[in-house]
Amino acid sequence: MVDKDHAGSMDYPKKGSLNRFIYKLPLLLWRLGLGPFLGNPNRGGNRMMVVTTLGRKSKLPRHTMVSQISANNKDYVLSGWWQRADWVKNFHADPLVTIQAGNRIYSAHARRVEDPDESSWVAQSLFQSGGDSHFSSWLESLEIEPCLEDLLEKRERIFFVGFDPVDQEGPSPLHADLIWIWAVLISLMLGLIFFLW
């Protein structure tokens, strides 16, 4: 039986590591104003969304970008690192989260998907979308064949998270607070072109 807390190629990235930086890079792109592109396949994105939780110790907004799975008109994600992921630990302490998917922003309660029928819908949607770039290696690390039947048979190894919309105000969403950098870069490029001309 595979140890879900030490899943081979999907080891949890250590703080300060290059791997951790790579996983956080999409958040920087979101802050640069590219969120609608990251979250929309029709604009070249990969169905990414930002989940904002409250830090379980700091009580400050904590943002995580994850691959979105849509099933039955609801948003779901897959926690590749189970409960080791900080954002999962945060929503266990306080399930109220804010979801940003493309141009949509809403508050929700986060929860682990436990119902077998709901797990089946989410897994079917995941396979139809093809998953993200780590999907195959993640399945392999959990000793799951890359097919829906095997994933459903071994669903106790999977940590799907569902988001149930609520009317409360959730944590502060991630803002495109670095969009001004584009103006600086364009100004520098125009200045360089003018200087070289």
N, C-alpha and C. Protein backbone atom coordinates (compact mmCIF):
# COMPACT_ATOMS: atom_id res chain seq x y z
N MET A 1 0.85 -1.20 0.00
CA MET A 1 0.00 0.00 0.00
C MET A 1 0.88 1.24 0.00
N VAL A 2 0.55 2.20 -0.84
CA VAL A 2 1.33 3.42 -0.95
C VAL A 2 1.11 4.31 0.27
N ASP A 3 2.17 5.00 0.67
CA ASP A 3 2.06 5.93 1.80
C ASP A 3 1.69 7.29 1.23
N LYS A 4 0.42 7.70 1.44
CA LYS A 4 -0.06 8.94 0.83
C LYS A 4 0.64 10.18 1.37
N ASP A 5 1.33 10.07 2.50
CA ASP A 5 2.06 11.22 3.04
C ASP A 5 3.46 11.35 2.48
N HIS A 6 3.92 10.34 1.75
CA HIS A 6 5.27 10.39 1.15
C HIS A 6 5.19 9.86 -0.26
N ALA A 7 4.43 10.53 -1.09
CA ALA A 7 4.16 10.05 -2.44
C ALA A 7 5.26 10.43 -3.40
N GLY A 8 6.21 9.52 -3.61
CA GLY A 8 7.32 9.60 -4.56
C GLY A 8 7.60 10.93 -5.21
N SER A 9 7.20 11.04 -6.49
CA SER A 9 7.55 12.22 -7.27
C SER A 9 6.78 13.46 -6.83
N MET A 10 5.83 13.29 -5.96
CA MET A 10 5.03 14.43 -5.54
C MET A 10 5.35 14.84 -4.10
N ASP A 11 6.63 14.77 -3.73
CA ASP A 11 7.02 15.22 -2.40
C ASP A 11 6.66 16.69 -2.24
N TYR A 12 6.22 17.05 -1.06
CA TYR A 12 5.82 18.42 -0.80
C TYR A 12 7.04 19.33 -0.90
N PRO A 13 6.98 20.41 -1.70
CA PRO A 13 8.16 21.26 -1.89
C PRO A 13 8.54 22.01 -0.61
N LYS A 14 9.83 21.96 -0.29
CA LYS A 14 10.31 22.60 0.93
C LYS A 14 10.35 24.11 0.76
N LYS A 15 10.12 24.83 1.86
CA LYS A 15 10.20 26.29 1.82
C LYS A 15 11.60 26.71 1.40
N GLY A 16 11.65 27.70 0.50
CA GLY A 16 12.94 28.20 0.03
C GLY A 16 13.52 27.40 -1.13
N SER A 17 12.86 26.32 -1.54
CA SER A 17 13.39 25.49 -2.63
C SER A 17 12.95 26.05 -3.99
N LEU A 18 13.67 25.66 -5.02
CA LEU A 18 13.32 26.06 -6.39
C LEU A 18 11.95 25.51 -6.76
N ASN A 19 11.68 24.30 -6.34
CA ASN A 19 10.38 23.68 -6.61
C ASN A 19 9.24 24.51 -6.03
N ARG A 20 9.43 25.00 -4.81
CA ARG A 20 8.39 25.81 -4.15
C ARG A 20 8.19 27.10 -4.94
N PHE A 21 9.29 27.71 -5.40
CA PHE A 21 9.21 28.94 -6.19
C PHE A 21 8.42 28.70 -7.48
N ILE A 22 8.69 27.57 -8.14
CA ILE A 22 8.01 27.25 -9.40
C ILE A 22 6.51 27.10 -9.16
N TYR A 23 6.13 26.46 -8.04
CA TYR A 23 4.71 26.29 -7.74
C TYR A 23 4.04 27.63 -7.39
N LYS A 24 4.81 28.57 -6.87
CA LYS A 24 4.24 29.88 -6.51
C LYS A 24 4.26 30.87 -7.66
N LEU A 25 5.01 30.59 -8.72
CA LEU A 25 5.15 31.52 -9.85
C LEU A 25 3.81 31.94 -10.47
N PRO A 26 2.84 31.04 -10.65
CA PRO A 26 1.55 31.49 -11.22
C PRO A 26 0.87 32.58 -10.39
N LEU A 27 1.09 32.59 -9.08
CA LEU A 27 0.50 33.66 -8.25
C LEU A 27 1.09 35.02 -8.63
N LEU A 28 2.38 35.04 -8.94
CA LEU A 28 3.03 36.28 -9.38
C LEU A 28 2.41 36.73 -10.70
N LEU A 29 2.19 35.79 -11.60
CA LEU A 29 1.57 36.14 -12.89
C LEU A 29 0.16 36.68 -12.69
N TRP A 30 -0.57 36.10 -11.73
CA TRP A 30 -1.92 36.59 -11.40
C TRP A 30 -1.83 38.03 -10.91
N ARG A 31 -0.85 38.30 -10.04
CA ARG A 31 -0.69 39.65 -9.50
C ARG A 31 -0.29 40.65 -10.59
N LEU A 32 0.31 40.15 -11.66
CA LEU A 32 0.68 41.00 -12.80
C LEU A 32 -0.51 41.26 -13.73
N GLY A 33 -1.69 40.75 -13.35
CA GLY A 33 -2.89 41.01 -14.14
C GLY A 33 -3.23 39.94 -15.15
N LEU A 34 -2.54 38.82 -15.11
CA LEU A 34 -2.76 37.76 -16.10
C LEU A 34 -3.74 36.69 -15.61
N GLY A 35 -4.43 36.93 -14.50
CA GLY A 35 -5.37 35.97 -13.94
C GLY A 35 -6.42 35.47 -14.92
N PRO A 36 -7.10 36.37 -15.66
CA PRO A 36 -8.11 35.90 -16.60
C PRO A 36 -7.55 34.96 -17.68
N PHE A 37 -6.27 35.11 -18.01
CA PHE A 37 -5.65 34.23 -19.00
C PHE A 37 -5.28 32.88 -18.39
N LEU A 38 -4.77 32.91 -17.15
CA LEU A 38 -4.39 31.67 -16.47
C LEU A 38 -5.59 30.79 -16.19
N GLY A 39 -6.74 31.41 -15.97
CA GLY A 39 -7.93 30.66 -15.59
C GLY A 39 -8.89 30.37 -16.71
N ASN A 40 -8.51 30.64 -17.95
CA ASN A 40 -9.45 30.45 -19.05
C ASN A 40 -8.77 29.75 -20.22
N PRO A 41 -9.11 28.47 -20.48
CA PRO A 41 -8.50 27.75 -21.61
C PRO A 41 -8.73 28.41 -22.95
N ASN A 42 -9.83 29.16 -23.09
CA ASN A 42 -10.11 29.85 -24.36
C ASN A 42 -9.17 31.02 -24.59
N ARG A 43 -8.46 31.43 -23.55
CA ARG A 43 -7.48 32.52 -23.68
C ARG A 43 -6.06 32.00 -23.50
N GLY A 44 -5.87 30.71 -23.63
CA GLY A 44 -4.53 30.13 -23.51
C GLY A 44 -4.19 29.65 -22.12
N GLY A 45 -5.12 29.70 -21.18
CA GLY A 45 -4.86 29.28 -19.81
C GLY A 45 -5.12 27.79 -19.59
N ASN A 46 -5.01 27.37 -18.34
CA ASN A 46 -5.14 25.96 -18.00
C ASN A 46 -6.18 25.70 -16.93
N ARG A 47 -7.27 26.48 -16.90
CA ARG A 47 -8.31 26.31 -15.88
C ARG A 47 -7.71 26.35 -14.48
N MET A 48 -6.96 27.38 -14.22
CA MET A 48 -6.38 27.59 -12.90
C MET A 48 -7.30 28.50 -12.09
N MET A 49 -7.26 28.34 -10.76
CA MET A 49 -8.02 29.22 -9.90
C MET A 49 -7.23 29.47 -8.63
N VAL A 50 -7.56 30.58 -7.99
CA VAL A 50 -6.90 30.94 -6.73
C VAL A 50 -7.86 30.65 -5.59
N VAL A 51 -7.35 29.93 -4.60
CA VAL A 51 -8.10 29.67 -3.37
C VAL A 51 -7.44 30.51 -2.29
N THR A 52 -8.23 31.37 -1.64
CA THR A 52 -7.70 32.18 -0.55
C THR A 52 -8.28 31.67 0.76
N THR A 53 -7.39 31.28 1.65
CA THR A 53 -7.76 30.82 2.98
C THR A 53 -7.25 31.83 4.00
N LEU A 54 -7.68 31.71 5.24
CA LEU A 54 -7.07 32.48 6.33
C LEU A 54 -6.01 31.60 6.98
N GLY A 55 -4.82 32.16 7.16
CA GLY A 55 -3.76 31.40 7.82
C GLY A 55 -4.23 30.93 9.19
N ARG A 56 -3.98 29.67 9.48
CA ARG A 56 -4.48 29.11 10.74
C ARG A 56 -3.80 29.72 11.95
N LYS A 57 -2.59 30.26 11.78
CA LYS A 57 -1.89 30.93 12.89
C LYS A 57 -1.95 32.44 12.74
N SER A 58 -1.63 32.93 11.53
CA SER A 58 -1.55 34.38 11.31
C SER A 58 -2.91 35.05 11.18
N LYS A 59 -3.93 34.30 10.73
CA LYS A 59 -5.27 34.83 10.43
C LYS A 59 -5.23 35.85 9.29
N LEU A 60 -4.17 35.80 8.46
CA LEU A 60 -4.03 36.66 7.29
C LEU A 60 -4.40 35.87 6.04
N PRO A 61 -4.86 36.56 4.97
CA PRO A 61 -5.19 35.85 3.74
C PRO A 61 -3.96 35.14 3.15
N ARG A 62 -4.15 33.89 2.76
CA ARG A 62 -3.10 33.09 2.13
C ARG A 62 -3.65 32.57 0.81
N HIS A 63 -2.90 32.81 -0.27
CA HIS A 63 -3.37 32.51 -1.62
C HIS A 63 -2.63 31.29 -2.19
N THR A 64 -3.38 30.44 -2.84
CA THR A 64 -2.82 29.25 -3.47
C THR A 64 -3.47 29.09 -4.84
N MET A 65 -2.66 28.84 -5.86
CA MET A 65 -3.21 28.59 -7.18
C MET A 65 -3.23 27.09 -7.42
N VAL A 66 -4.38 26.61 -7.88
CA VAL A 66 -4.57 25.18 -8.10
C VAL A 66 -5.31 24.96 -9.42
N SER A 67 -5.25 23.74 -9.93
CA SER A 67 -5.97 23.40 -11.15
C SER A 67 -7.43 23.16 -10.82
N GLN A 68 -8.29 23.81 -11.56
CA GLN A 68 -9.74 23.76 -11.33
C GLN A 68 -10.35 22.54 -12.03
N ILE A 69 -11.27 21.89 -11.33
CA ILE A 69 -12.07 20.81 -11.91
C ILE A 69 -13.52 21.25 -11.78
N SER A 70 -14.26 21.26 -12.87
CA SER A 70 -15.68 21.63 -12.83
C SER A 70 -16.52 20.38 -12.99
N ALA A 71 -17.48 20.20 -12.08
CA ALA A 71 -18.39 19.05 -12.16
C ALA A 71 -19.73 19.48 -11.59
N ASN A 72 -20.80 19.20 -12.34
CA ASN A 72 -22.16 19.54 -11.89
C ASN A 72 -22.29 21.01 -11.47
N ASN A 73 -21.69 21.90 -12.26
CA ASN A 73 -21.75 23.36 -12.03
C ASN A 73 -21.13 23.79 -10.71
N LYS A 74 -20.16 23.04 -10.22
CA LYS A 74 -19.43 23.42 -9.01
C LYS A 74 -17.94 23.31 -9.27
N ASP A 75 -17.16 24.01 -8.45
CA ASP A 75 -15.70 23.96 -8.57
C ASP A 75 -15.13 22.97 -7.56
N TYR A 76 -14.13 22.23 -8.03
CA TYR A 76 -13.41 21.28 -7.20
C TYR A 76 -11.93 21.40 -7.51
N VAL A 77 -11.11 20.92 -6.61
CA VAL A 77 -9.68 20.81 -6.87
C VAL A 77 -9.19 19.50 -6.26
N LEU A 78 -7.98 19.19 -6.60
CA LEU A 78 -7.34 17.99 -6.11
C LEU A 78 -6.13 18.43 -5.30
N SER A 79 -6.04 18.02 -4.05
CA SER A 79 -4.86 18.34 -3.25
C SER A 79 -3.85 17.23 -3.46
N GLY A 80 -2.85 17.50 -4.27
CA GLY A 80 -1.82 16.51 -4.57
C GLY A 80 -1.02 16.10 -3.36
N TRP A 81 -1.02 16.93 -2.35
CA TRP A 81 -0.24 16.63 -1.15
C TRP A 81 -1.12 16.36 0.07
N TRP A 82 -2.35 15.97 -0.20
CA TRP A 82 -3.26 15.65 0.89
C TRP A 82 -3.33 16.77 1.90
N GLN A 83 -3.24 16.41 3.18
CA GLN A 83 -3.37 17.41 4.24
C GLN A 83 -2.05 18.07 4.60
N ARG A 84 -0.98 17.72 3.88
CA ARG A 84 0.30 18.38 4.14
C ARG A 84 0.32 19.80 3.56
N ALA A 85 -0.52 20.06 2.58
CA ALA A 85 -0.56 21.39 1.95
C ALA A 85 -1.06 22.42 2.97
N ASP A 86 -0.39 23.54 3.03
CA ASP A 86 -0.76 24.58 4.00
C ASP A 86 -2.19 25.05 3.80
N TRP A 87 -2.62 25.19 2.54
CA TRP A 87 -3.97 25.71 2.31
C TRP A 87 -5.02 24.73 2.81
N VAL A 88 -4.73 23.42 2.76
CA VAL A 88 -5.66 22.42 3.29
C VAL A 88 -5.70 22.51 4.81
N LYS A 89 -4.54 22.65 5.44
CA LYS A 89 -4.50 22.81 6.90
C LYS A 89 -5.29 24.06 7.30
N ASN A 90 -5.16 25.11 6.49
CA ASN A 90 -5.88 26.36 6.79
C ASN A 90 -7.39 26.18 6.71
N PHE A 91 -7.89 25.51 5.67
CA PHE A 91 -9.35 25.40 5.57
C PHE A 91 -9.90 24.39 6.59
N HIS A 92 -9.07 23.50 7.10
CA HIS A 92 -9.53 22.64 8.19
C HIS A 92 -9.75 23.47 9.45
N ALA A 93 -8.94 24.52 9.63
CA ALA A 93 -9.10 25.41 10.79
C ALA A 93 -10.27 26.37 10.59
N ASP A 94 -10.48 26.83 9.35
CA ASP A 94 -11.57 27.74 9.02
C ASP A 94 -11.98 27.46 7.58
N PRO A 95 -13.15 26.81 7.36
CA PRO A 95 -13.53 26.40 6.00
C PRO A 95 -13.96 27.53 5.07
N LEU A 96 -14.13 28.76 5.58
CA LEU A 96 -14.55 29.86 4.73
C LEU A 96 -13.38 30.31 3.85
N VAL A 97 -13.57 30.23 2.54
CA VAL A 97 -12.51 30.58 1.59
C VAL A 97 -13.08 31.51 0.53
N THR A 98 -12.18 32.11 -0.24
CA THR A 98 -12.57 32.91 -1.40
C THR A 98 -12.00 32.23 -2.64
N ILE A 99 -12.83 32.09 -3.65
CA ILE A 99 -12.43 31.44 -4.91
C ILE A 99 -12.38 32.49 -6.01
N GLN A 100 -11.30 32.47 -6.79
CA GLN A 100 -11.18 33.30 -7.98
C GLN A 100 -10.90 32.38 -9.16
N ALA A 101 -11.85 32.29 -10.05
CA ALA A 101 -11.73 31.44 -11.24
C ALA A 101 -12.03 32.31 -12.45
N GLY A 102 -11.00 32.66 -13.22
CA GLY A 102 -11.18 33.59 -14.33
C GLY A 102 -11.62 34.93 -13.81
N ASN A 103 -12.79 35.39 -14.23
CA ASN A 103 -13.32 36.68 -13.75
C ASN A 103 -14.31 36.52 -12.61
N ARG A 104 -14.56 35.27 -12.17
CA ARG A 104 -15.50 35.02 -11.08
C ARG A 104 -14.80 35.05 -9.72
N ILE A 105 -15.44 35.71 -8.76
CA ILE A 105 -14.96 35.72 -7.38
C ILE A 105 -16.16 35.40 -6.50
N TYR A 106 -16.02 34.42 -5.62
CA TYR A 106 -17.11 34.10 -4.71
C TYR A 106 -16.56 33.47 -3.42
N SER A 107 -17.36 33.53 -2.37
CA SER A 107 -17.02 32.91 -1.10
C SER A 107 -17.60 31.51 -1.06
N ALA A 108 -16.92 30.62 -0.36
CA ALA A 108 -17.38 29.23 -0.28
C ALA A 108 -16.89 28.58 1.00
N HIS A 109 -17.50 27.47 1.34
CA HIS A 109 -16.99 26.60 2.38
C HIS A 109 -16.24 25.47 1.69
N ALA A 110 -15.00 25.25 2.08
CA ALA A 110 -14.20 24.17 1.52
C ALA A 110 -14.39 22.91 2.36
N ARG A 111 -14.41 21.78 1.68
CA ARG A 111 -14.58 20.50 2.39
C ARG A 111 -13.98 19.38 1.55
N ARG A 112 -13.56 18.33 2.22
CA ARG A 112 -13.09 17.15 1.51
C ARG A 112 -14.31 16.42 0.95
N VAL A 113 -14.18 15.98 -0.30
CA VAL A 113 -15.26 15.22 -0.93
C VAL A 113 -15.18 13.78 -0.42
N GLU A 114 -16.24 13.33 0.25
CA GLU A 114 -16.27 11.98 0.82
C GLU A 114 -17.31 11.10 0.13
N ASP A 115 -18.35 11.70 -0.43
CA ASP A 115 -19.43 10.94 -1.04
C ASP A 115 -18.93 10.22 -2.30
N PRO A 116 -19.15 8.89 -2.41
CA PRO A 116 -18.67 8.14 -3.57
C PRO A 116 -19.22 8.64 -4.91
N ASP A 117 -20.50 9.02 -4.95
CA ASP A 117 -21.08 9.52 -6.20
C ASP A 117 -20.43 10.84 -6.61
N GLU A 118 -20.26 11.73 -5.65
CA GLU A 118 -19.63 13.02 -5.95
C GLU A 118 -18.18 12.81 -6.39
N SER A 119 -17.46 11.91 -5.72
CA SER A 119 -16.08 11.58 -6.12
C SER A 119 -16.04 11.08 -7.55
N SER A 120 -17.03 10.30 -7.92
CA SER A 120 -17.09 9.75 -9.27
C SER A 120 -17.27 10.86 -10.31
N TRP A 121 -18.18 11.82 -10.04
CA TRP A 121 -18.39 12.93 -10.98
C TRP A 121 -17.11 13.75 -11.14
N VAL A 122 -16.46 14.03 -10.01
CA VAL A 122 -15.25 14.86 -10.05
C VAL A 122 -14.14 14.12 -10.80
N ALA A 123 -13.97 12.82 -10.51
CA ALA A 123 -12.94 12.04 -11.18
C ALA A 123 -13.19 11.98 -12.69
N GLN A 124 -14.45 11.81 -13.10
CA GLN A 124 -14.78 11.79 -14.53
C GLN A 124 -14.40 13.12 -15.18
N SER A 125 -14.73 14.22 -14.52
CA SER A 125 -14.38 15.55 -15.06
C SER A 125 -12.88 15.73 -15.13
N LEU A 126 -12.17 15.23 -14.12
CA LEU A 126 -10.71 15.33 -14.11
C LEU A 126 -10.11 14.59 -15.30
N PHE A 127 -10.57 13.38 -15.56
CA PHE A 127 -10.05 12.61 -16.69
C PHE A 127 -10.44 13.24 -18.02
N GLN A 128 -11.64 13.80 -18.12
CA GLN A 128 -12.06 14.44 -19.36
C GLN A 128 -11.20 15.66 -19.67
N SER A 129 -10.78 16.38 -18.61
CA SER A 129 -9.95 17.58 -18.82
C SER A 129 -8.49 17.22 -19.08
N GLY A 130 -8.09 16.00 -18.72
CA GLY A 130 -6.70 15.59 -18.92
C GLY A 130 -5.80 15.91 -17.74
N GLY A 131 -6.33 16.60 -16.73
CA GLY A 131 -5.51 16.96 -15.57
C GLY A 131 -4.45 17.99 -15.91
N ASP A 132 -3.59 18.29 -14.95
CA ASP A 132 -2.52 19.26 -15.20
C ASP A 132 -1.24 18.53 -15.61
N SER A 133 -0.14 19.28 -15.69
CA SER A 133 1.12 18.70 -16.17
C SER A 133 1.70 17.65 -15.22
N HIS A 134 1.24 17.62 -13.98
CA HIS A 134 1.75 16.66 -13.00
C HIS A 134 0.83 15.45 -12.82
N PHE A 135 -0.27 15.43 -13.53
CA PHE A 135 -1.31 14.43 -13.28
C PHE A 135 -0.79 13.00 -13.40
N SER A 136 -0.10 12.69 -14.49
CA SER A 136 0.38 11.32 -14.70
C SER A 136 1.37 10.89 -13.64
N SER A 137 2.35 11.75 -13.34
CA SER A 137 3.35 11.39 -12.34
C SER A 137 2.73 11.29 -10.95
N TRP A 138 1.71 12.11 -10.70
CA TRP A 138 1.03 12.06 -9.41
C TRP A 138 0.29 10.73 -9.27
N LEU A 139 -0.44 10.31 -10.32
CA LEU A 139 -1.12 9.02 -10.28
C LEU A 139 -0.12 7.89 -10.05
N GLU A 140 0.98 7.94 -10.76
CA GLU A 140 2.02 6.91 -10.64
C GLU A 140 2.55 6.85 -9.21
N SER A 141 2.76 8.01 -8.58
CA SER A 141 3.29 8.04 -7.22
C SER A 141 2.33 7.42 -6.21
N LEU A 142 1.04 7.39 -6.57
CA LEU A 142 0.03 6.79 -5.70
C LEU A 142 -0.32 5.36 -6.13
N GLU A 143 0.45 4.85 -7.09
CA GLU A 143 0.22 3.50 -7.63
C GLU A 143 -1.20 3.35 -8.16
N ILE A 144 -1.64 4.36 -8.91
CA ILE A 144 -2.94 4.34 -9.56
C ILE A 144 -2.71 4.33 -11.06
N GLU A 145 -3.35 3.38 -11.75
CA GLU A 145 -3.26 3.32 -13.21
C GLU A 145 -3.94 4.57 -13.79
N PRO A 146 -3.45 5.05 -14.94
CA PRO A 146 -4.05 6.25 -15.53
C PRO A 146 -5.39 5.98 -16.21
N CYS A 147 -6.33 5.46 -15.43
CA CYS A 147 -7.67 5.22 -15.96
C CYS A 147 -8.68 5.50 -14.85
N LEU A 148 -9.86 5.89 -15.26
CA LEU A 148 -10.92 6.27 -14.32
C LEU A 148 -11.27 5.13 -13.37
N GLU A 149 -11.37 3.92 -13.89
CA GLU A 149 -11.79 2.79 -13.06
C GLU A 149 -10.83 2.56 -11.89
N ASP A 150 -9.52 2.61 -12.17
CA ASP A 150 -8.54 2.36 -11.10
C ASP A 150 -8.55 3.50 -10.09
N LEU A 151 -8.71 4.74 -10.58
CA LEU A 151 -8.76 5.88 -9.66
C LEU A 151 -9.97 5.75 -8.72
N LEU A 152 -11.12 5.36 -9.27
CA LEU A 152 -12.31 5.21 -8.44
C LEU A 152 -12.16 4.06 -7.46
N GLU A 153 -11.52 3.00 -7.90
CA GLU A 153 -11.31 1.85 -7.01
C GLU A 153 -10.40 2.22 -5.83
N LYS A 154 -9.45 3.14 -6.08
CA LYS A 154 -8.48 3.52 -5.05
C LYS A 154 -8.74 4.95 -4.56
N ARG A 155 -10.00 5.37 -4.56
CA ARG A 155 -10.33 6.76 -4.25
C ARG A 155 -9.95 7.17 -2.83
N GLU A 156 -9.71 6.21 -1.93
CA GLU A 156 -9.28 6.59 -0.58
C GLU A 156 -7.89 7.23 -0.60
N ARG A 157 -7.17 7.08 -1.71
CA ARG A 157 -5.84 7.70 -1.86
C ARG A 157 -5.93 9.13 -2.40
N ILE A 158 -7.13 9.54 -2.78
CA ILE A 158 -7.35 10.83 -3.44
C ILE A 158 -7.95 11.83 -2.45
N PHE A 159 -7.56 13.09 -2.57
CA PHE A 159 -8.08 14.14 -1.69
C PHE A 159 -8.71 15.23 -2.56
N PHE A 160 -9.96 14.97 -3.00
CA PHE A 160 -10.70 16.00 -3.73
C PHE A 160 -11.27 16.99 -2.73
N VAL A 161 -11.26 18.27 -3.11
CA VAL A 161 -11.83 19.32 -2.27
C VAL A 161 -12.95 19.99 -3.06
N GLY A 162 -14.12 20.11 -2.43
CA GLY A 162 -15.26 20.77 -3.04
C GLY A 162 -15.49 22.12 -2.39
N PHE A 163 -16.08 23.03 -3.16
CA PHE A 163 -16.35 24.39 -2.67
C PHE A 163 -17.84 24.67 -2.80
N ASP A 164 -18.49 24.83 -1.66
CA ASP A 164 -19.92 25.11 -1.61
C ASP A 164 -20.12 26.61 -1.42
N PRO A 165 -20.67 27.33 -2.44
CA PRO A 165 -20.85 28.78 -2.33
C PRO A 165 -21.69 29.16 -1.12
N VAL A 166 -21.30 30.26 -0.47
CA VAL A 166 -22.02 30.79 0.70
C VAL A 166 -22.22 32.29 0.53
N ASP A 167 -23.11 32.86 1.32
CA ASP A 167 -23.39 34.30 1.25
C ASP A 167 -22.55 35.13 2.22
N GLN A 168 -21.58 34.52 2.89
CA GLN A 168 -20.70 35.26 3.79
C GLN A 168 -19.56 35.89 2.99
N GLU A 169 -18.92 36.87 3.58
CA GLU A 169 -17.74 37.46 2.94
C GLU A 169 -16.50 36.66 3.36
N GLY A 170 -15.79 36.13 2.38
CA GLY A 170 -14.61 35.32 2.65
C GLY A 170 -13.37 36.19 2.79
N PRO A 171 -12.20 35.54 2.91
CA PRO A 171 -10.94 36.28 3.01
C PRO A 171 -10.72 37.16 1.78
N SER A 172 -9.91 38.18 1.93
CA SER A 172 -9.62 39.12 0.85
C SER A 172 -8.99 38.39 -0.34
N PRO A 173 -9.56 38.56 -1.55
CA PRO A 173 -9.01 37.86 -2.72
C PRO A 173 -7.65 38.42 -3.14
N LEU A 174 -6.99 37.69 -4.02
CA LEU A 174 -5.70 38.12 -4.56
C LEU A 174 -5.95 39.21 -5.59
N HIS A 175 -5.28 40.34 -5.41
CA HIS A 175 -5.46 41.49 -6.31
C HIS A 175 -4.31 41.56 -7.31
N ALA A 176 -4.59 42.16 -8.45
CA ALA A 176 -3.57 42.40 -9.47
C ALA A 176 -2.80 43.66 -9.08
N ASP A 177 -2.08 43.58 -7.95
CA ASP A 177 -1.41 44.75 -7.38
C ASP A 177 -0.08 45.08 -8.04
N LEU A 178 0.38 44.24 -8.97
CA LEU A 178 1.65 44.50 -9.65
C LEU A 178 1.47 44.88 -11.11
N ILE A 179 0.25 45.22 -11.49
CA ILE A 179 -0.03 45.54 -12.89
C ILE A 179 0.76 46.77 -13.36
N TRP A 180 1.13 47.63 -12.43
CA TRP A 180 1.91 48.82 -12.77
C TRP A 180 3.27 48.48 -13.38
N ILE A 181 3.77 47.28 -13.14
CA ILE A 181 5.07 46.89 -13.67
C ILE A 181 5.06 46.90 -15.20
N TRP A 182 3.89 46.59 -15.81
CA TRP A 182 3.81 46.61 -17.27
C TRP A 182 4.08 48.01 -17.81
N ALA A 183 3.57 49.04 -17.15
CA ALA A 183 3.80 50.43 -17.59
C ALA A 183 5.29 50.77 -17.51
N VAL A 184 5.95 50.32 -16.44
CA VAL A 184 7.39 50.57 -16.29
C VAL A 184 8.17 49.86 -17.40
N LEU A 185 7.83 48.59 -17.65
CA LEU A 185 8.53 47.84 -18.69
C LEU A 185 8.33 48.45 -20.07
N ILE A 186 7.10 48.87 -20.38
CA ILE A 186 6.83 49.49 -21.68
C ILE A 186 7.60 50.80 -21.80
N SER A 187 7.62 51.58 -20.72
CA SER A 187 8.36 52.85 -20.73
C SER A 187 9.85 52.61 -20.96
N LEU A 188 10.40 51.59 -20.29
CA LEU A 188 11.82 51.27 -20.47
C LEU A 188 12.10 50.82 -21.90
N MET A 189 11.22 50.01 -22.46
CA MET A 189 11.42 49.55 -23.84
C MET A 189 11.33 50.70 -24.83
N LEU A 190 10.34 51.58 -24.63
CA LEU A 190 10.23 52.74 -25.52
C LEU A 190 11.44 53.65 -25.40
N GLY A 191 11.90 53.83 -24.16
CA GLY A 191 13.10 54.64 -23.94
C GLY A 191 14.32 54.04 -24.61
N LEU A 192 14.46 52.73 -24.53
CA LEU A 192 15.60 52.05 -25.15
C LEU A 192 15.52 52.16 -26.68
N ILE A 193 14.32 51.98 -27.23
CA ILE A 193 14.13 52.12 -28.68
C ILE A 193 14.46 53.54 -29.13
N PHE A 194 13.99 54.53 -28.38
CA PHE A 194 14.26 55.94 -28.70
C PHE A 194 15.76 56.22 -28.62
N PHE A 195 16.42 55.66 -27.59
CA PHE A 195 17.86 55.88 -27.40
C PHE A 195 18.66 55.25 -28.54
N LEU A 196 18.28 54.04 -28.95
CA LEU A 196 19.01 53.34 -30.00
C LEU A 196 18.70 53.86 -31.40
N TRP A 197 17.55 54.52 -31.53
CA TRP A 197 17.14 55.06 -32.83
C TRP A 197 18.01 56.22 -33.16
